Amino acid sequence: LQRDALWSDPTDELGCYLNPRGAGVSF
């Protein structure tokens, strides 16, 4: 949960996918 909270990033693209930084997601 901590990793996901710290390493997830908002993007301009629709959807949710793996974050290219290696942890969390891009949404």
mmCIF file of all heavy atoms, coordinates in Angstrom:
data_MODEL
# 
_entry.id   MODEL 
# 
loop_
_atom_site.group_PDB 
_atom_site.id 
_atom_site.type_symbol 
_atom_site.label_atom_id 
_atom_site.label_alt_id 
_atom_site.label_comp_id 
_atom_site.label_asym_id 
_atom_site.label_entity_id 
_atom_site.label_seq_id 
_atom_site.pdbx_PDB_ins_code 
_atom_site.Cartn_x 
_atom_site.Cartn_y 
_atom_site.Cartn_z 
_atom_site.occupancy 
_atom_site.B_iso_or_equiv 
_atom_site.pdbx_formal_charge 
_atom_site.auth_seq_id 
_atom_site.auth_comp_id 
_atom_site.auth_asym_id 
_atom_site.auth_atom_id 
_atom_site.pdbx_PDB_model_num 
ATOM 1   N N   . LEU A 1 1  ? 0.834   -1.209 0.000   1.00 0.00 ? 1  LEU A N   1 
ATOM 2   C CA  . LEU A 1 1  ? 0.000   0.000  0.000   1.00 0.00 ? 1  LEU A CA  1 
ATOM 3   C C   . LEU A 1 1  ? 0.865   1.254  0.000   1.00 0.00 ? 1  LEU A C   1 
ATOM 4   O O   . LEU A 1 1  ? 0.583   2.224  -0.715  1.00 0.00 ? 1  LEU A O   1 
ATOM 5   C CB  . LEU A 1 1  ? -0.936  0.016  1.206   1.00 0.00 ? 1  LEU A CB  1 
ATOM 6   C CG  . LEU A 1 1  ? -2.093  -0.949 1.190   1.00 0.00 ? 1  LEU A CG  1 
ATOM 7   C CD1 . LEU A 1 1  ? -2.879  -0.854 2.494   1.00 0.00 ? 1  LEU A CD1 1 
ATOM 8   C CD2 . LEU A 1 1  ? -3.010  -0.690 0.011   1.00 0.00 ? 1  LEU A CD2 1 
ATOM 9   N N   . GLN A 1 2  ? 1.929   1.232  0.803   1.00 0.00 ? 2  GLN A N   1 
ATOM 10  C CA  . GLN A 1 2  ? 2.840   2.374  0.857   1.00 0.00 ? 2  GLN A CA  1 
ATOM 11  C C   . GLN A 1 2  ? 3.522   2.588  -0.489  1.00 0.00 ? 2  GLN A C   1 
ATOM 12  O O   . GLN A 1 2  ? 3.607   3.714  -0.983  1.00 0.00 ? 2  GLN A O   1 
ATOM 13  C CB  . GLN A 1 2  ? 3.881   2.155  1.954   1.00 0.00 ? 2  GLN A CB  1 
ATOM 14  C CG  . GLN A 1 2  ? 4.817   3.325  2.133   1.00 0.00 ? 2  GLN A CG  1 
ATOM 15  C CD  . GLN A 1 2  ? 5.862   3.054  3.195   1.00 0.00 ? 2  GLN A CD  1 
ATOM 16  O OE1 . GLN A 1 2  ? 6.340   1.929  3.345   1.00 0.00 ? 2  GLN A OE1 1 
ATOM 17  N NE2 . GLN A 1 2  ? 6.221   4.074  3.940   1.00 0.00 ? 2  GLN A NE2 1 
ATOM 18  N N   . ARG A 1 3  ? 4.006   1.522  -1.095  1.00 0.00 ? 3  ARG A N   1 
ATOM 19  C CA  . ARG A 1 3  ? 4.647   1.643  -2.407  1.00 0.00 ? 3  ARG A CA  1 
ATOM 20  C C   . ARG A 1 3  ? 3.669   2.221  -3.426  1.00 0.00 ? 3  ARG A C   1 
ATOM 21  O O   . ARG A 1 3  ? 4.004   3.127  -4.187  1.00 0.00 ? 3  ARG A O   1 
ATOM 22  C CB  . ARG A 1 3  ? 5.142   0.279  -2.893  1.00 0.00 ? 3  ARG A CB  1 
ATOM 23  C CG  . ARG A 1 3  ? 6.429   -0.177 -2.284  1.00 0.00 ? 3  ARG A CG  1 
ATOM 24  C CD  . ARG A 1 3  ? 6.944   -1.438 -2.963  1.00 0.00 ? 3  ARG A CD  1 
ATOM 25  N NE  . ARG A 1 3  ? 6.201   -2.615 -2.562  1.00 0.00 ? 3  ARG A NE  1 
ATOM 26  C CZ  . ARG A 1 3  ? 6.532   -3.417 -1.558  1.00 0.00 ? 3  ARG A CZ  1 
ATOM 27  N NH1 . ARG A 1 3  ? 7.599   -3.163 -0.836  1.00 0.00 ? 3  ARG A NH1 1 
ATOM 28  N NH2 . ARG A 1 3  ? 5.800   -4.469 -1.280  1.00 0.00 ? 3  ARG A NH2 1 
ATOM 29  N N   . ASP A 1 4  ? 2.441   1.680  -3.435  1.00 0.00 ? 4  ASP A N   1 
ATOM 30  C CA  . ASP A 1 4  ? 1.450   2.161  -4.401  1.00 0.00 ? 4  ASP A CA  1 
ATOM 31  C C   . ASP A 1 4  ? 1.114   3.630  -4.181  1.00 0.00 ? 4  ASP A C   1 
ATOM 32  O O   . ASP A 1 4  ? 0.982   4.396  -5.131  1.00 0.00 ? 4  ASP A O   1 
ATOM 33  C CB  . ASP A 1 4  ? 0.173   1.319  -4.332  1.00 0.00 ? 4  ASP A CB  1 
ATOM 34  C CG  . ASP A 1 4  ? 0.362   -0.079 -4.905  1.00 0.00 ? 4  ASP A CG  1 
ATOM 35  O OD1 . ASP A 1 4  ? 1.382   -0.310 -5.587  1.00 0.00 ? 4  ASP A OD1 1 
ATOM 36  O OD2 . ASP A 1 4  ? -0.514  -0.917 -4.675  1.00 0.00 ? 4  ASP A OD2 1 
ATOM 37  N N   . ALA A 1 5  ? 0.988   4.039  -2.928  1.00 0.00 ? 5  ALA A N   1 
ATOM 38  C CA  . ALA A 1 5  ? 0.662   5.436  -2.631  1.00 0.00 ? 5  ALA A CA  1 
ATOM 39  C C   . ALA A 1 5  ? 1.805   6.368  -3.020  1.00 0.00 ? 5  ALA A C   1 
ATOM 40  O O   . ALA A 1 5  ? 1.579   7.457  -3.560  1.00 0.00 ? 5  ALA A O   1 
ATOM 41  C CB  . ALA A 1 5  ? 0.323   5.595  -1.154  1.00 0.00 ? 5  ALA A CB  1 
ATOM 42  N N   . LEU A 1 6  ? 3.031   5.955  -2.765  1.00 0.00 ? 6  LEU A N   1 
ATOM 43  C CA  . LEU A 1 6  ? 4.180   6.824  -3.031  1.00 0.00 ? 6  LEU A CA  1 
ATOM 44  C C   . LEU A 1 6  ? 4.615   6.853  -4.487  1.00 0.00 ? 6  LEU A C   1 
ATOM 45  O O   . LEU A 1 6  ? 5.167   7.850  -4.950  1.00 0.00 ? 6  LEU A O   1 
ATOM 46  C CB  . LEU A 1 6  ? 5.370   6.394  -2.166  1.00 0.00 ? 6  LEU A CB  1 
ATOM 47  C CG  . LEU A 1 6  ? 5.220   6.629  -0.665  1.00 0.00 ? 6  LEU A CG  1 
ATOM 48  C CD1 . LEU A 1 6  ? 6.373   5.981  0.079   1.00 0.00 ? 6  LEU A CD1 1 
ATOM 49  C CD2 . LEU A 1 6  ? 5.160   8.117  -0.365  1.00 0.00 ? 6  LEU A CD2 1 
ATOM 50  N N   . TRP A 1 7  ? 4.397   5.764  -5.213  1.00 0.00 ? 7  TRP A N   1 
ATOM 51  C CA  . TRP A 1 7  ? 4.951   5.653  -6.548  1.00 0.00 ? 7  TRP A CA  1 
ATOM 52  C C   . TRP A 1 7  ? 3.925   5.687  -7.667  1.00 0.00 ? 7  TRP A C   1 
ATOM 53  O O   . TRP A 1 7  ? 4.275   5.507  -8.833  1.00 0.00 ? 7  TRP A O   1 
ATOM 54  C CB  . TRP A 1 7  ? 5.798   4.390  -6.651  1.00 0.00 ? 7  TRP A CB  1 
ATOM 55  C CG  . TRP A 1 7  ? 7.014   4.489  -5.791  1.00 0.00 ? 7  TRP A CG  1 
ATOM 56  C CD1 . TRP A 1 7  ? 7.162   4.020  -4.525  1.00 0.00 ? 7  TRP A CD1 1 
ATOM 57  C CD2 . TRP A 1 7  ? 8.243   5.153  -6.109  1.00 0.00 ? 7  TRP A CD2 1 
ATOM 58  N NE1 . TRP A 1 7  ? 8.405   4.329  -4.042  1.00 0.00 ? 7  TRP A NE1 1 
ATOM 59  C CE2 . TRP A 1 7  ? 9.093   5.032  -5.000  1.00 0.00 ? 7  TRP A CE2 1 
ATOM 60  C CE3 . TRP A 1 7  ? 8.696   5.835  -7.233  1.00 0.00 ? 7  TRP A CE3 1 
ATOM 61  C CZ2 . TRP A 1 7  ? 10.371  5.562  -4.967  1.00 0.00 ? 7  TRP A CZ2 1 
ATOM 62  C CZ3 . TRP A 1 7  ? 9.981   6.355  -7.206  1.00 0.00 ? 7  TRP A CZ3 1 
ATOM 63  C CH2 . TRP A 1 7  ? 10.797  6.216  -6.089  1.00 0.00 ? 7  TRP A CH2 1 
ATOM 64  N N   . SER A 1 8  ? 2.648   5.908  -7.365  1.00 0.00 ? 8  SER A N   1 
ATOM 65  C CA  . SER A 1 8  ? 1.638   6.015  -8.421  1.00 0.00 ? 8  SER A CA  1 
ATOM 66  C C   . SER A 1 8  ? 1.575   7.455  -8.906  1.00 0.00 ? 8  SER A C   1 
ATOM 67  O O   . SER A 1 8  ? 1.770   8.388  -8.135  1.00 0.00 ? 8  SER A O   1 
ATOM 68  C CB  . SER A 1 8  ? 0.274   5.557  -7.902  1.00 0.00 ? 8  SER A CB  1 
ATOM 69  O OG  . SER A 1 8  ? 0.308   4.160  -7.671  1.00 0.00 ? 8  SER A OG  1 
ATOM 70  N N   . ASP A 1 9  ? 1.307   7.617  -10.194 1.00 0.00 ? 9  ASP A N   1 
ATOM 71  C CA  . ASP A 1 9  ? 1.339   8.947  -10.810 1.00 0.00 ? 9  ASP A CA  1 
ATOM 72  C C   . ASP A 1 9  ? 0.113   9.214  -11.664 1.00 0.00 ? 9  ASP A C   1 
ATOM 73  O O   . ASP A 1 9  ? -0.315  8.340  -12.428 1.00 0.00 ? 9  ASP A O   1 
ATOM 74  C CB  . ASP A 1 9  ? 2.561   9.068  -11.739 1.00 0.00 ? 9  ASP A CB  1 
ATOM 75  C CG  . ASP A 1 9  ? 3.868   8.913  -10.998 1.00 0.00 ? 9  ASP A CG  1 
ATOM 76  O OD1 . ASP A 1 9  ? 4.046   9.582  -9.970  1.00 0.00 ? 9  ASP A OD1 1 
ATOM 77  O OD2 . ASP A 1 9  ? 4.710   8.114  -11.452 1.00 0.00 ? 9  ASP A OD2 1 
ATOM 78  N N   . PRO A 1 10 ? -0.435  10.435 -11.587 1.00 0.00 ? 10 PRO A N   1 
ATOM 79  C CA  . PRO A 1 10 ? -1.503  10.809 -12.518 1.00 0.00 ? 10 PRO A CA  1 
ATOM 80  C C   . PRO A 1 10 ? -0.911  11.075 -13.903 1.00 0.00 ? 10 PRO A C   1 
ATOM 81  O O   . PRO A 1 10 ? 0.247   11.462 -14.028 1.00 0.00 ? 10 PRO A O   1 
ATOM 82  C CB  . PRO A 1 10 ? -2.061  12.092 -11.905 1.00 0.00 ? 10 PRO A CB  1 
ATOM 83  C CG  . PRO A 1 10 ? -0.929  12.668 -11.126 1.00 0.00 ? 10 PRO A CG  1 
ATOM 84  C CD  . PRO A 1 10 ? -0.120  11.497 -10.647 1.00 0.00 ? 10 PRO A CD  1 
ATOM 85  N N   . THR A 1 11 ? -1.710  10.813 -14.940 1.00 0.00 ? 11 THR A N   1 
ATOM 86  C CA  . THR A 1 11 ? -1.287  11.107 -16.318 1.00 0.00 ? 11 THR A CA  1 
ATOM 87  C C   . THR A 1 11 ? -2.449  11.755 -17.055 1.00 0.00 ? 11 THR A C   1 
ATOM 88  O O   . THR A 1 11 ? -3.565  11.812 -16.546 1.00 0.00 ? 11 THR A O   1 
ATOM 89  C CB  . THR A 1 11 ? -0.884  9.830  -17.081 1.00 0.00 ? 11 THR A CB  1 
ATOM 90  O OG1 . THR A 1 11 ? -2.042  9.033  -17.282 1.00 0.00 ? 11 THR A OG1 1 
ATOM 91  C CG2 . THR A 1 11 ? 0.170   9.037  -16.355 1.00 0.00 ? 11 THR A CG2 1 
ATOM 92  N N   . ASP A 1 12 ? -2.197  12.209 -18.247 1.00 0.00 ? 12 ASP A N   1 
ATOM 93  C CA  . ASP A 1 12 ? -3.258  12.762 -19.093 1.00 0.00 ? 12 ASP A CA  1 
ATOM 94  C C   . ASP A 1 12 ? -3.980  11.670 -19.874 1.00 0.00 ? 12 ASP A C   1 
ATOM 95  O O   . ASP A 1 12 ? -5.048  11.903 -20.420 1.00 0.00 ? 12 ASP A O   1 
ATOM 96  C CB  . ASP A 1 12 ? -2.679  13.789 -20.079 1.00 0.00 ? 12 ASP A CB  1 
ATOM 97  C CG  . ASP A 1 12 ? -2.166  15.031 -19.363 1.00 0.00 ? 12 ASP A CG  1 
ATOM 98  O OD1 . ASP A 1 12 ? -2.726  15.375 -18.301 1.00 0.00 ? 12 ASP A OD1 1 
ATOM 99  O OD2 . ASP A 1 12 ? -1.215  15.651 -19.857 1.00 0.00 ? 12 ASP A OD2 1 
ATOM 100 N N   . GLU A 1 13 ? -3.398  10.471 -19.926 1.00 0.00 ? 13 GLU A N   1 
ATOM 101 C CA  . GLU A 1 13 ? -3.992  9.359  -20.670 1.00 0.00 ? 13 GLU A CA  1 
ATOM 102 C C   . GLU A 1 13 ? -5.085  8.688  -19.846 1.00 0.00 ? 13 GLU A C   1 
ATOM 103 O O   . GLU A 1 13 ? -4.977  8.587  -18.628 1.00 0.00 ? 13 GLU A O   1 
ATOM 104 C CB  . GLU A 1 13 ? -2.926  8.330  -21.031 1.00 0.00 ? 13 GLU A CB  1 
ATOM 105 C CG  . GLU A 1 13 ? -1.846  8.873  -21.939 1.00 0.00 ? 13 GLU A CG  1 
ATOM 106 C CD  . GLU A 1 13 ? -0.780  7.840  -22.220 1.00 0.00 ? 13 GLU A CD  1 
ATOM 107 O OE1 . GLU A 1 13 ? -1.122  6.646  -22.366 1.00 0.00 ? 13 GLU A OE1 1 
ATOM 108 O OE2 . GLU A 1 13 ? 0.389   8.224  -22.276 1.00 0.00 ? 13 GLU A OE2 1 
ATOM 109 N N   . LEU A 1 14 ? -6.129  8.231  -20.525 1.00 0.00 ? 14 LEU A N   1 
ATOM 110 C CA  . LEU A 1 14 ? -7.210  7.532  -19.839 1.00 0.00 ? 14 LEU A CA  1 
ATOM 111 C C   . LEU A 1 14 ? -6.772  6.138  -19.419 1.00 0.00 ? 14 LEU A C   1 
ATOM 112 O O   . LEU A 1 14 ? -5.919  5.525  -20.053 1.00 0.00 ? 14 LEU A O   1 
ATOM 113 C CB  . LEU A 1 14 ? -8.436  7.432  -20.743 1.00 0.00 ? 14 LEU A CB  1 
ATOM 114 C CG  . LEU A 1 14 ? -9.080  8.749  -21.157 1.00 0.00 ? 14 LEU A CG  1 
ATOM 115 C CD1 . LEU A 1 14 ? -10.251 8.491  -22.089 1.00 0.00 ? 14 LEU A CD1 1 
ATOM 116 C CD2 . LEU A 1 14 ? -9.512  9.565  -19.957 1.00 0.00 ? 14 LEU A CD2 1 
ATOM 117 N N   . GLY A 1 15 ? -7.348  5.638  -18.337 1.00 0.00 ? 15 GLY A N   1 
ATOM 118 C CA  . GLY A 1 15 ? -7.087  4.280  -17.897 1.00 0.00 ? 15 GLY A CA  1 
ATOM 119 C C   . GLY A 1 15 ? -6.096  4.195  -16.759 1.00 0.00 ? 15 GLY A C   1 
ATOM 120 O O   . GLY A 1 15 ? -5.685  5.205  -16.180 1.00 0.00 ? 15 GLY A O   1 
ATOM 121 N N   . CYS A 1 16 ? -5.738  2.958  -16.448 1.00 0.00 ? 16 CYS A N   1 
ATOM 122 C CA  . CYS A 1 16 ? -4.818  2.665  -15.356 1.00 0.00 ? 16 CYS A CA  1 
ATOM 123 C C   . CYS A 1 16 ? -3.882  1.558  -15.838 1.00 0.00 ? 16 CYS A C   1 
ATOM 124 O O   . CYS A 1 16 ? -4.335  0.548  -16.367 1.00 0.00 ? 16 CYS A O   1 
ATOM 125 C CB  . CYS A 1 16 ? -5.618  2.213  -14.138 1.00 0.00 ? 16 CYS A CB  1 
ATOM 126 S SG  . CYS A 1 16 ? -4.634  1.916  -12.679 1.00 0.00 ? 16 CYS A SG  1 
ATOM 127 N N   . TYR A 1 17 ? -2.594  1.751  -15.670 1.00 0.00 ? 17 TYR A N   1 
ATOM 128 C CA  . TYR A 1 17 ? -1.626  0.779  -16.159 1.00 0.00 ? 17 TYR A CA  1 
ATOM 129 C C   . TYR A 1 17 ? -0.365  0.831  -15.313 1.00 0.00 ? 17 TYR A C   1 
ATOM 130 O O   . TYR A 1 17 ? -0.194  1.753  -14.502 1.00 0.00 ? 17 TYR A O   1 
ATOM 131 C CB  . TYR A 1 17 ? -1.301  1.024  -17.641 1.00 0.00 ? 17 TYR A CB  1 
ATOM 132 C CG  . TYR A 1 17 ? -1.062  2.479  -17.965 1.00 0.00 ? 17 TYR A CG  1 
ATOM 133 C CD1 . TYR A 1 17 ? 0.210   3.013  -17.914 1.00 0.00 ? 17 TYR A CD1 1 
ATOM 134 C CD2 . TYR A 1 17 ? -2.121  3.322  -18.319 1.00 0.00 ? 17 TYR A CD2 1 
ATOM 135 C CE1 . TYR A 1 17 ? 0.429   4.343  -18.201 1.00 0.00 ? 17 TYR A CE1 1 
ATOM 136 C CE2 . TYR A 1 17 ? -1.906  4.653  -18.605 1.00 0.00 ? 17 TYR A CE2 1 
ATOM 137 C CZ  . TYR A 1 17 ? -0.632  5.160  -18.539 1.00 0.00 ? 17 TYR A CZ  1 
ATOM 138 O OH  . TYR A 1 17 ? -0.406  6.488  -18.805 1.00 0.00 ? 17 TYR A OH  1 
ATOM 139 N N   . LEU A 1 18 ? 0.497   -0.151 -15.453 1.00 0.00 ? 18 LEU A N   1 
ATOM 140 C CA  . LEU A 1 18 ? 1.730   -0.207 -14.675 1.00 0.00 ? 18 LEU A CA  1 
ATOM 141 C C   . LEU A 1 18 ? 2.558   1.044  -14.885 1.00 0.00 ? 18 LEU A C   1 
ATOM 142 O O   . LEU A 1 18 ? 2.701   1.530  -16.007 1.00 0.00 ? 18 LEU A O   1 
ATOM 143 C CB  . LEU A 1 18 ? 2.543   -1.441 -15.053 1.00 0.00 ? 18 LEU A CB  1 
ATOM 144 C CG  . LEU A 1 18 ? 1.938   -2.786 -14.668 1.00 0.00 ? 18 LEU A CG  1 
ATOM 145 C CD1 . LEU A 1 18 ? 2.809   -3.919 -15.191 1.00 0.00 ? 18 LEU A CD1 1 
ATOM 146 C CD2 . LEU A 1 18 ? 1.757   -2.891 -13.168 1.00 0.00 ? 18 LEU A CD2 1 
ATOM 147 N N   . ASN A 1 19 ? 3.113   1.542  -13.803 1.00 0.00 ? 19 ASN A N   1 
ATOM 148 C CA  . ASN A 1 19 ? 3.954   2.729  -13.862 1.00 0.00 ? 19 ASN A CA  1 
ATOM 149 C C   . ASN A 1 19 ? 5.308   2.352  -14.460 1.00 0.00 ? 19 ASN A C   1 
ATOM 150 O O   . ASN A 1 19 ? 5.927   1.376  -14.024 1.00 0.00 ? 19 ASN A O   1 
ATOM 151 C CB  . ASN A 1 19 ? 4.123   3.276  -12.442 1.00 0.00 ? 19 ASN A CB  1 
ATOM 152 C CG  . ASN A 1 19 ? 4.735   4.647  -12.412 1.00 0.00 ? 19 ASN A CG  1 
ATOM 153 O OD1 . ASN A 1 19 ? 5.663   4.940  -13.166 1.00 0.00 ? 19 ASN A OD1 1 
ATOM 154 N ND2 . ASN A 1 19 ? 4.237   5.488  -11.542 1.00 0.00 ? 19 ASN A ND2 1 
ATOM 155 N N   . PRO A 1 20 ? 5.789   3.113  -15.424 1.00 0.00 ? 20 PRO A N   1 
ATOM 156 C CA  . PRO A 1 20 ? 7.087   2.784  -16.018 1.00 0.00 ? 20 PRO A CA  1 
ATOM 157 C C   . PRO A 1 20 ? 8.257   2.912  -15.040 1.00 0.00 ? 20 PRO A C   1 
ATOM 158 O O   . PRO A 1 20 ? 9.341   2.424  -15.310 1.00 0.00 ? 20 PRO A O   1 
ATOM 159 C CB  . PRO A 1 20 ? 7.222   3.772  -17.181 1.00 0.00 ? 20 PRO A CB  1 
ATOM 160 C CG  . PRO A 1 20 ? 6.227   4.840  -16.935 1.00 0.00 ? 20 PRO A CG  1 
ATOM 161 C CD  . PRO A 1 20 ? 5.155   4.253  -16.082 1.00 0.00 ? 20 PRO A CD  1 
ATOM 162 N N   . ARG A 1 21 ? 8.030   3.525  -13.863 1.00 0.00 ? 21 ARG A N   1 
ATOM 163 C CA  . ARG A 1 21 ? 9.103   3.644  -12.875 1.00 0.00 ? 21 ARG A CA  1 
ATOM 164 C C   . ARG A 1 21 ? 9.336   2.334  -12.132 1.00 0.00 ? 21 ARG A C   1 
ATOM 165 O O   . ARG A 1 21 ? 10.271  2.223  -11.355 1.00 0.00 ? 21 ARG A O   1 
ATOM 166 C CB  . ARG A 1 21 ? 8.785   4.751  -11.866 1.00 0.00 ? 21 ARG A CB  1 
ATOM 167 C CG  . ARG A 1 21 ? 8.791   6.112  -12.508 1.00 0.00 ? 21 ARG A CG  1 
ATOM 168 C CD  . ARG A 1 21 ? 8.818   7.220  -11.506 1.00 0.00 ? 21 ARG A CD  1 
ATOM 169 N NE  . ARG A 1 21 ? 7.605   7.278  -10.697 1.00 0.00 ? 21 ARG A NE  1 
ATOM 170 C CZ  . ARG A 1 21 ? 7.523   7.931  -9.554  1.00 0.00 ? 21 ARG A CZ  1 
ATOM 171 N NH1 . ARG A 1 21 ? 8.573   8.557  -9.073  1.00 0.00 ? 21 ARG A NH1 1 
ATOM 172 N NH2 . ARG A 1 21 ? 6.407   7.968  -8.884  1.00 0.00 ? 21 ARG A NH2 1 
ATOM 173 N N   . GLY A 1 22 ? 8.457   1.336  -12.333 1.00 0.00 ? 22 GLY A N   1 
ATOM 174 C CA  . GLY A 1 22 ? 8.683   0.035  -11.732 1.00 0.00 ? 22 GLY A CA  1 
ATOM 175 C C   . GLY A 1 22 ? 7.881   -0.264 -10.488 1.00 0.00 ? 22 GLY A C   1 
ATOM 176 O O   . GLY A 1 22 ? 7.971   -1.348 -9.942  1.00 0.00 ? 22 GLY A O   1 
ATOM 177 N N   . ALA A 1 23 ? 7.117   0.690  -9.997  1.00 0.00 ? 23 ALA A N   1 
ATOM 178 C CA  . ALA A 1 23 ? 6.268   0.454  -8.827  1.00 0.00 ? 23 ALA A CA  1 
ATOM 179 C C   . ALA A 1 23 ? 5.048   1.350  -8.949  1.00 0.00 ? 23 ALA A C   1 
ATOM 180 O O   . ALA A 1 23 ? 5.090   2.389  -9.594  1.00 0.00 ? 23 ALA A O   1 
ATOM 181 C CB  . ALA A 1 23 ? 7.018   0.757  -7.542  1.00 0.00 ? 23 ALA A CB  1 
ATOM 182 N N   . GLY A 1 24 ? 3.953   0.939  -8.317  1.00 0.00 ? 24 GLY A N   1 
ATOM 183 C CA  . GLY A 1 24 ? 2.737   1.733  -8.402  1.00 0.00 ? 24 GLY A CA  1 
ATOM 184 C C   . GLY A 1 24 ? 2.111   1.644  -9.780  1.00 0.00 ? 24 GLY A C   1 
ATOM 185 O O   . GLY A 1 24 ? 2.449   0.775  -10.583 1.00 0.00 ? 24 GLY A O   1 
ATOM 186 N N   . VAL A 1 25 ? 1.187   2.543  -10.055 1.00 0.00 ? 25 VAL A N   1 
ATOM 187 C CA  . VAL A 1 25 ? 0.490   2.590  -11.332 1.00 0.00 ? 25 VAL A CA  1 
ATOM 188 C C   . VAL A 1 25 ? 0.477   4.007  -11.867 1.00 0.00 ? 25 VAL A C   1 
ATOM 189 O O   . VAL A 1 25 ? 0.763   4.959  -11.154 1.00 0.00 ? 25 VAL A O   1 
ATOM 190 C CB  . VAL A 1 25 ? -0.971  2.083  -11.200 1.00 0.00 ? 25 VAL A CB  1 
ATOM 191 C CG1 . VAL A 1 25 ? -1.009  0.632  -10.787 1.00 0.00 ? 25 VAL A CG1 1 
ATOM 192 C CG2 . VAL A 1 25 ? -1.780  2.944  -10.251 1.00 0.00 ? 25 VAL A CG2 1 
ATOM 193 N N   . SER A 1 26 ? 0.133   4.143  -13.120 1.00 0.00 ? 26 SER A N   1 
ATOM 194 C CA  . SER A 1 26 ? -0.175  5.432  -13.720 1.00 0.00 ? 26 SER A CA  1 
ATOM 195 C C   . SER A 1 26 ? -1.674  5.424  -13.966 1.00 0.00 ? 26 SER A C   1 
ATOM 196 O O   . SER A 1 26 ? -2.218  4.437  -14.447 1.00 0.00 ? 26 SER A O   1 
ATOM 197 C CB  . SER A 1 26 ? 0.575   5.619  -15.043 1.00 0.00 ? 26 SER A CB  1 
ATOM 198 O OG  . SER A 1 26 ? 1.970   5.682  -14.813 1.00 0.00 ? 26 SER A OG  1 
ATOM 199 N N   . PHE A 1 27 ? -2.356  6.510  -13.599 1.00 0.00 ? 27 PHE A N   1 
ATOM 200 C CA  . PHE A 1 27 ? -3.807  6.551  -13.742 1.00 0.00 ? 27 PHE A CA  1 
ATOM 201 C C   . PHE A 1 27 ? -4.234  7.855  -14.391 1.00 0.00 ? 27 PHE A C   1 
ATOM 202 O O   . PHE A 1 27 ? -3.634  8.899  -14.176 1.00 0.00 ? 27 PHE A O   1 
ATOM 203 C CB  . PHE A 1 27 ? -4.498  6.373  -12.386 1.00 0.00 ? 27 PHE A CB  1 
ATOM 204 C CG  . PHE A 1 27 ? -4.093  7.409  -11.361 1.00 0.00 ? 27 PHE A CG  1 
ATOM 205 C CD1 . PHE A 1 27 ? -4.823  8.573  -11.209 1.00 0.00 ? 27 PHE A CD1 1 
ATOM 206 C CD2 . PHE A 1 27 ? -2.988  7.216  -10.560 1.00 0.00 ? 27 PHE A CD2 1 
ATOM 207 C CE1 . PHE A 1 27 ? -4.458  9.537  -10.281 1.00 0.00 ? 27 PHE A CE1 1 
ATOM 208 C CE2 . PHE A 1 27 ? -2.604  8.162  -9.630  1.00 0.00 ? 27 PHE A CE2 1 
ATOM 209 C CZ  . PHE A 1 27 ? -3.336  9.326  -9.488  1.00 0.00 ? 27 PHE A CZ  1 
# 
